[in-house]
Amino acid sequence: MSELRQDRTTGAWTIIAPERGRRPHQPSAGDVARDRLPRFDPACPFCPGNESQLPGIIAETPCVEPPGWRVRVVANKFPALVPDAVPAHRSVEMHGTLGGYGAHEVVIESPRHDADLTTMDDAEVTAVVEGYRQRFTELAGRPGIEAVVPFRNHGAGSGASLRHPHAQLIALPLATPKLLLMIECGRQYYGETSRCPTCEELEIETKLGERIVDATRHFLALVPFAAARPSEVWLVPKRHQASFAEIAADEVNDLGVQLRRSLQRLKVVHGDPSHNLIIESVGKSGLGAPYVHWRLRIVPDLVTWGGFEVGTGMAINPSCPEQDAEELRVQVV
C-alpha cells in the first residue's frame, strides 16, 4: 500500500508506491563495462601523459609507483563558476543576480582509465576520500563561499561526460535550496528538543535495524526512511559532525571502505547502474553547528522522473526502502 513519508532533516515528502512495480534489475543500457576499458586512453585528458590537455594541476597525492601520483585535482576546463568573477550583487529588471563567483574543480581519482571505486584497495579509496576532504576544506575557507558541493557522476544516465574515474566540486557564493532546508529544519527541531534530528534518526534506525545496510566503526550505511529513489543509500557519520570538513583521519579511511562496499552492493544487486554521489554538508559558517549533520548520498538512476515529480518537486519511489535495504545486505569485500 502506498504512503507518504517525510524526511525530517529537510521536510521533503516522498510517495512510497511499491505497487507501481519493481524496477528492472539489469545493467544500464549502452554503458561500456569497466573491464573492457583500456588502462590508458590517449584521447582522455585525465590519463597520464596528456597533461597538455588540462587547464592546470591544483594538487596531487604522491605515489612511489609511476606515474608518481595517486589522486590529482585540476580546474574544470568548462567551469560553472570561476574564482575571478565579480561576486557583488546586482539587479537586472525584477530578477536578482550574482556574479558567477566560485570554483569548479575535478578530482581525478586514479591514473588508470579503467579504475573503479569498487575495485580499489583501502589505500587507493582512502586517498580519493581524502582528496575530496582537502578540496572541500580549502574551497569552503575562501572568502565569499557559502557552500561547497562535492559530487560524482557514474554511467551514461548520470550526466557523466568522461569515463575516466573522477568527481567534481563546485563552490558557490550562496547556500543551495537543499542546504537551506536542512539548516532550517535542523534549527527548528533542535530548538524544540535540543537534539540533532539526524543523530536521533541514527538512534532510531540502529534500534529498528530494518533499513540499515551496513555499519562500520564510524559510519552507518542505510536506506533512508523517505528515500526518493529505489536503493538510495546514505553514508552518515555516527559522531555528530555538521560539516564534511570536520571528519577525522581514521574516519576518512572508514568512509572510503564503506563507500566501496556500498557501490559494490549496488553493482551486485543492480548490475552497475548509472548513479550520482553527493556530499551534502554545510560550509565554513556551519562548522560545529549542533543542529545539522552532513551525509554522503548514493542515488541510483533506476527510475525516470515524469511530469508529477518535475511539477511538484516531490518524488514517487516505486520501491520499498525496507525491502531495498534487505536486498543490499549482500556480502561484499
Protein backbone atom coordinates (compact mmCIF):
# COMPACT_ATOMS: atom_id res chain seq x y z
CA MET A 1 0.00 0.00 0.00
CA SER A 2 1.23 3.49 -0.82
CA GLU A 3 2.14 6.01 1.84
CA LEU A 4 3.65 9.48 2.13
CA ARG A 5 6.89 9.68 4.11
CA GLN A 6 8.70 12.80 5.26
CA ASP A 7 12.45 13.35 5.52
CA ARG A 8 12.74 15.05 8.90
CA THR A 9 16.08 16.59 8.00
CA THR A 10 14.66 18.64 5.10
CA GLY A 11 10.87 18.48 5.42
CA ALA A 12 10.65 16.94 1.91
CA TRP A 13 7.89 14.41 1.24
CA THR A 14 8.18 11.24 -0.86
CA ILE A 15 5.37 9.00 -2.08
CA ILE A 16 6.39 5.39 -1.45
CA ALA A 17 4.40 3.40 -4.01
CA PRO A 18 5.80 -0.13 -4.45
CA GLU A 19 2.61 -1.28 -6.18
CA ARG A 20 3.69 0.77 -9.22
CA GLY A 21 6.06 -2.08 -9.97
CA ARG A 22 9.58 -3.08 -9.11
CA ARG A 23 12.35 -1.51 -11.20
CA PRO A 24 14.31 -3.83 -13.52
CA HIS A 25 17.45 -5.49 -12.12
CA GLN A 26 19.66 -5.23 -15.17
CA PRO A 27 22.74 -3.29 -16.33
CA SER A 28 22.21 0.20 -17.65
CA ALA A 29 21.69 0.08 -21.40
CA GLY A 30 24.53 1.41 -23.52
CA ASP A 31 27.11 1.53 -20.71
CA VAL A 32 30.53 0.08 -21.50
CA ALA A 33 31.75 -2.36 -18.86
CA ARG A 34 34.82 -1.25 -16.91
CA ASP A 35 36.63 -4.48 -17.73
CA ARG A 36 36.52 -3.53 -21.41
CA LEU A 37 38.05 -0.09 -20.92
CA PRO A 38 41.76 0.38 -21.67
CA ARG A 39 44.25 1.03 -18.86
CA PHE A 40 45.27 4.19 -20.75
CA ASP A 41 43.30 6.18 -23.33
CA PRO A 42 45.43 8.51 -25.49
CA ALA A 43 42.35 10.67 -26.12
CA CYS A 44 41.48 11.11 -22.43
CA PRO A 45 42.68 14.38 -20.84
CA PHE A 46 42.78 12.76 -17.38
CA CYS A 47 45.20 9.99 -18.34
CA PRO A 48 48.94 10.42 -17.54
CA GLY A 49 50.91 11.96 -20.39
CA ASN A 50 48.01 14.12 -21.53
CA GLU A 51 48.68 16.98 -19.12
CA SER A 52 48.77 19.46 -22.01
CA GLN A 53 45.02 19.00 -22.30
CA LEU A 54 44.45 20.11 -18.70
CA PRO A 55 43.90 23.76 -17.67
CA GLY A 56 46.28 23.33 -14.73
CA ILE A 57 47.07 20.96 -11.86
CA ILE A 58 45.92 22.25 -8.46
CA ALA A 59 47.03 19.39 -6.18
CA GLU A 60 48.31 15.82 -6.25
CA THR A 61 48.58 12.89 -3.86
CA PRO A 62 52.08 11.48 -4.49
CA CYS A 63 52.78 7.81 -5.09
CA VAL A 64 56.11 5.98 -5.39
CA GLU A 65 54.89 3.99 -8.37
CA PRO A 66 54.67 5.51 -11.86
CA PRO A 67 53.28 7.96 -12.86
CA GLY A 68 54.06 9.38 -9.40
CA TRP A 69 50.55 10.35 -8.30
CA ARG A 70 47.51 8.57 -6.96
CA VAL A 71 44.88 11.34 -6.97
CA ARG A 72 45.09 14.59 -8.91
CA VAL A 73 42.98 17.75 -8.70
CA VAL A 74 42.57 20.07 -11.68
CA ALA A 75 40.41 23.04 -12.57
CA ASN A 76 37.36 22.18 -14.64
CA LYS A 77 38.05 23.18 -18.25
CA PHE A 78 34.41 24.19 -18.69
CA PRO A 79 33.55 25.65 -15.26
CA ALA A 80 30.10 26.52 -13.97
CA LEU A 81 31.63 29.16 -11.66
CA VAL A 82 35.08 30.81 -11.60
CA PRO A 83 37.27 32.39 -8.88
CA ASP A 84 37.93 35.61 -10.79
CA ALA A 85 34.26 36.57 -11.33
CA VAL A 86 32.83 39.59 -9.54
CA PRO A 87 30.85 38.34 -6.51
CA ALA A 88 28.94 41.59 -5.93
CA HIS A 89 25.15 41.57 -6.05
CA ARG A 90 23.34 43.49 -8.73
CA SER A 91 19.82 43.61 -10.14
CA VAL A 92 18.53 43.22 -13.68
CA GLU A 93 14.94 44.39 -14.05
CA MET A 94 12.98 42.40 -11.43
CA HIS A 95 15.40 39.49 -11.23
CA GLY A 96 18.19 39.25 -8.66
CA THR A 97 21.56 38.13 -9.94
CA LEU A 98 25.00 37.36 -8.60
CA GLY A 99 28.26 37.37 -10.47
CA GLY A 100 29.46 33.85 -11.36
CA TYR A 101 31.94 33.79 -8.49
CA GLY A 102 33.01 30.44 -7.07
CA ALA A 103 35.08 27.50 -8.20
CA HIS A 104 34.68 24.28 -10.17
CA GLU A 105 37.29 21.55 -9.73
CA VAL A 106 37.78 17.95 -10.82
CA VAL A 107 39.23 15.20 -8.62
CA ILE A 108 40.87 12.61 -10.89
CA GLU A 109 40.58 9.52 -8.72
CA SER A 110 43.24 7.34 -10.36
CA PRO A 111 45.86 7.47 -13.13
CA ARG A 112 44.18 4.38 -14.61
CA HIS A 113 41.44 4.96 -17.16
CA ASP A 114 39.80 1.64 -16.24
CA ALA A 115 39.92 2.12 -12.46
CA ASP A 116 36.75 1.96 -10.39
CA LEU A 117 35.95 2.72 -6.75
CA THR A 118 34.52 -0.79 -6.32
CA THR A 119 37.87 -2.44 -7.07
CA MET A 120 40.29 -0.02 -5.39
CA ASP A 121 42.23 -1.19 -2.34
CA ASP A 122 41.98 0.57 1.04
CA ALA A 123 44.88 2.94 0.39
CA GLU A 124 43.53 3.97 -3.01
CA VAL A 125 39.96 4.63 -1.91
CA THR A 126 41.17 6.43 1.22
CA ALA A 127 43.29 8.73 -0.96
CA VAL A 128 40.19 9.53 -3.03
CA VAL A 129 38.08 10.46 0.01
CA GLU A 130 40.97 12.46 1.46
CA GLY A 131 41.18 14.32 -1.84
CA TYR A 132 37.51 15.21 -1.51
CA ARG A 133 38.06 16.40 2.07
CA GLN A 134 41.10 18.53 1.33
CA ARG A 135 39.47 20.35 -1.57
CA PHE A 136 36.19 20.78 0.31
CA THR A 137 38.02 22.33 3.26
CA GLU A 138 40.16 24.63 1.13
CA LEU A 139 37.27 25.84 -1.02
CA ALA A 140 34.93 26.30 1.96
CA GLY A 141 37.52 28.57 3.58
CA ARG A 142 37.65 31.03 0.69
CA PRO A 143 36.11 34.48 1.19
CA GLY A 144 32.55 34.74 -0.04
CA ILE A 145 31.99 30.98 -0.39
CA GLU A 146 28.85 29.78 1.40
CA ALA A 147 28.56 26.21 0.11
CA VAL A 148 30.73 23.52 -1.48
CA VAL A 149 29.09 20.58 -3.24
CA PRO A 150 31.25 17.51 -3.96
CA PHE A 151 29.55 15.16 -6.43
CA ARG A 152 30.32 12.22 -8.67
CA ASN A 153 28.51 11.09 -11.81
CA HIS A 154 28.83 7.45 -12.87
CA GLY A 155 27.39 6.00 -16.04
CA ALA A 156 25.59 7.24 -19.12
CA GLY A 157 22.39 8.18 -17.27
CA SER A 158 24.12 10.19 -14.55
CA GLY A 159 25.39 13.16 -16.55
CA ALA A 160 28.96 11.86 -16.80
CA SER A 161 30.80 13.10 -19.91
CA LEU A 162 34.13 11.28 -19.40
CA ARG A 163 34.62 7.64 -18.34
CA HIS A 164 37.92 8.15 -16.52
CA PRO A 165 37.04 7.89 -12.78
CA HIS A 166 36.60 11.37 -11.37
CA ALA A 167 34.47 13.53 -9.09
CA GLN A 168 33.81 17.26 -9.04
CA LEU A 169 33.39 20.06 -6.53
CA ILE A 170 31.50 23.31 -7.10
CA ALA A 171 31.93 26.15 -4.61
CA LEU A 172 29.09 28.68 -4.52
CA PRO A 173 28.62 32.19 -3.10
CA LEU A 174 25.27 31.17 -1.61
CA ALA A 175 23.72 28.23 0.20
CA THR A 176 21.79 25.83 -2.02
CA PRO A 177 18.00 25.44 -1.53
CA LYS A 178 18.51 21.88 -0.21
CA LEU A 179 21.10 23.09 2.29
CA LEU A 180 18.84 25.89 3.47
CA LEU A 181 16.08 23.35 4.13
CA MET A 182 18.47 21.15 6.11
CA ILE A 183 19.59 24.13 8.19
CA GLU A 184 16.09 25.43 8.83
CA CYS A 185 14.63 22.03 9.75
CA GLY A 186 17.61 21.28 11.95
CA ARG A 187 17.41 24.59 13.78
CA GLN A 188 13.69 24.23 14.38
CA TYR A 189 13.97 20.68 15.67
CA TYR A 190 16.98 21.50 17.83
CA GLY A 191 15.15 24.49 19.27
CA GLU A 192 12.26 22.24 20.29
CA THR A 193 14.21 19.20 21.51
CA SER A 194 17.87 20.25 21.95
CA ARG A 195 18.75 17.36 19.65
CA CYS A 196 20.12 17.00 16.13
CA PRO A 197 17.40 15.35 14.02
CA THR A 198 19.93 13.21 12.13
CA CYS A 199 21.54 11.95 15.35
CA GLU A 200 18.10 10.99 16.59
CA GLU A 201 17.31 9.28 13.28
CA LEU A 202 20.51 7.24 13.55
CA GLU A 203 19.49 6.05 17.01
CA ILE A 204 16.05 5.04 15.74
CA GLU A 205 17.41 3.32 12.65
CA THR A 206 20.01 1.43 14.69
CA LYS A 207 17.34 0.23 17.12
CA LEU A 208 14.95 -0.88 14.35
CA GLY A 209 17.62 -2.27 12.02
CA GLU A 210 15.24 -2.73 9.10
CA ARG A 211 16.79 -0.03 6.90
CA ILE A 212 20.43 -0.45 7.98
CA VAL A 213 22.57 -1.90 5.20
CA ASP A 214 25.97 -1.88 6.90
CA ALA A 215 27.74 -0.46 9.91
CA THR A 216 31.43 0.21 10.47
CA ARG A 217 33.16 1.82 13.42
CA HIS A 218 32.42 5.38 12.32
CA PHE A 219 29.64 5.18 9.70
CA LEU A 220 26.18 3.78 9.07
CA ALA A 221 25.04 2.86 5.58
CA LEU A 222 21.27 2.94 5.37
CA VAL A 223 18.34 3.30 3.01
CA PRO A 224 16.59 6.45 4.30
CA PHE A 225 13.03 6.23 5.61
CA ALA A 226 11.75 8.62 2.92
CA ALA A 227 14.10 7.54 0.11
CA ALA A 228 13.37 9.48 -3.08
CA ARG A 229 14.79 6.77 -5.36
CA PRO A 230 14.95 2.95 -5.32
CA SER A 231 18.04 1.67 -3.48
CA GLU A 232 19.16 5.16 -2.45
CA VAL A 233 21.80 4.81 0.28
CA TRP A 234 23.12 7.35 2.77
CA LEU A 235 26.50 7.07 4.47
CA VAL A 236 26.23 9.02 7.72
CA PRO A 237 28.90 9.59 10.39
CA LYS A 238 27.92 8.19 13.78
CA ARG A 239 29.73 11.03 15.54
CA HIS A 240 27.88 14.32 15.21
CA GLN A 241 29.55 16.43 12.54
CA ALA A 242 27.91 19.44 10.96
CA SER A 243 30.42 19.71 8.12
CA PHE A 244 32.39 17.29 5.98
CA ALA A 245 35.42 19.41 6.93
CA GLU A 246 35.15 18.02 10.49
CA ILE A 247 35.88 14.40 9.51
CA ALA A 248 38.93 12.91 11.26
CA ALA A 249 41.74 10.88 9.64
CA ASP A 250 40.52 7.47 10.84
CA GLU A 251 37.01 8.39 9.72
CA VAL A 252 38.30 9.19 6.23
CA ASN A 253 39.63 5.63 5.92
CA ASP A 254 36.38 4.20 7.30
CA LEU A 255 34.30 6.25 4.86
CA GLY A 256 36.41 5.07 1.94
CA VAL A 257 35.84 1.42 2.87
CA GLN A 258 32.13 1.99 3.44
CA LEU A 259 31.81 3.81 0.12
CA ARG A 260 33.50 0.97 -1.75
CA ARG A 261 31.25 -1.61 -0.09
CA SER A 262 28.10 0.36 -0.84
CA LEU A 263 28.97 0.72 -4.52
CA GLN A 264 29.88 -2.98 -4.69
CA ARG A 265 26.44 -3.85 -3.31
CA LEU A 266 24.76 -1.61 -5.86
CA LYS A 267 26.70 -3.37 -8.62
CA VAL A 268 25.81 -6.85 -7.36
CA VAL A 269 22.10 -6.12 -6.94
CA HIS A 270 21.50 -3.87 -9.95
CA GLY A 271 24.32 -4.58 -12.42
CA ASP A 272 26.32 -1.36 -12.05
CA PRO A 273 23.60 1.18 -12.87
CA SER A 274 24.27 4.84 -13.52
CA HIS A 275 24.24 6.76 -10.26
CA ASN A 276 25.11 10.04 -8.59
CA LEU A 277 27.11 10.54 -5.42
CA ILE A 278 26.61 13.78 -3.49
CA ILE A 279 28.06 15.04 -0.21
CA GLU A 280 25.50 17.29 1.48
CA SER A 281 27.21 19.49 4.06
CA VAL A 282 27.26 22.98 5.48
CA GLY A 283 30.30 25.09 4.74
CA LYS A 284 32.64 27.09 6.96
CA SER A 285 29.88 29.16 8.57
CA GLY A 286 28.21 25.99 9.87
CA LEU A 287 31.25 24.38 11.48
CA GLY A 288 30.32 22.92 14.86
CA ALA A 289 26.59 23.59 14.47
CA PRO A 290 24.68 21.17 16.76
CA TYR A 291 21.54 21.01 14.61
CA VAL A 292 22.78 19.85 11.18
CA HIS A 293 24.64 16.68 10.20
CA TRP A 294 26.42 16.02 6.89
CA ARG A 295 25.88 12.90 4.79
CA LEU A 296 27.00 11.21 1.60
CA ARG A 297 24.15 10.14 -0.70
CA ILE A 298 24.34 7.46 -3.38
CA VAL A 299 21.38 7.85 -5.74
CA PRO A 300 20.97 5.17 -8.45
CA ASP A 301 19.37 6.10 -11.76
CA LEU A 302 16.74 3.34 -11.68
CA VAL A 303 13.64 5.43 -12.38
CA THR A 304 12.91 8.44 -14.58
CA TRP A 305 11.12 11.47 -13.22
CA GLY A 306 7.90 12.39 -15.00
CA GLY A 307 5.54 15.34 -15.00
CA PHE A 308 4.39 14.89 -11.40
CA GLU A 309 7.90 14.93 -9.99
CA VAL A 310 9.05 17.81 -12.17
CA GLY A 311 5.93 19.84 -11.44
CA THR A 312 5.76 19.27 -7.68
CA GLY A 313 9.35 18.65 -6.61
CA MET A 314 8.05 15.51 -4.83
CA ALA A 315 9.38 12.08 -5.68
CA ILE A 316 7.39 8.91 -6.30
CA ASN A 317 9.53 5.96 -5.26
CA PRO A 318 8.18 2.72 -6.80
CA SER A 319 10.10 0.72 -4.25
CA CYS A 320 10.02 -0.08 -0.53
CA PRO A 321 13.04 1.23 1.44
CA GLU A 322 12.90 -1.70 3.85
CA GLN A 323 13.00 -4.25 1.01
CA ASP A 324 15.75 -2.31 -0.74
CA ALA A 325 17.86 -2.43 2.42
CA GLU A 326 17.32 -6.17 2.71
CA GLU A 327 18.41 -6.70 -0.91
CA LEU A 328 21.50 -4.55 -0.45
CA ARG A 329 22.76 -6.56 2.54
CA VAL A 330 24.69 -8.84 0.21
CA GLN A 331 28.14 -9.99 1.23
CA VAL A 332 30.95 -7.91 -0.27
CA VAL A 333 34.68 -7.49 0.38
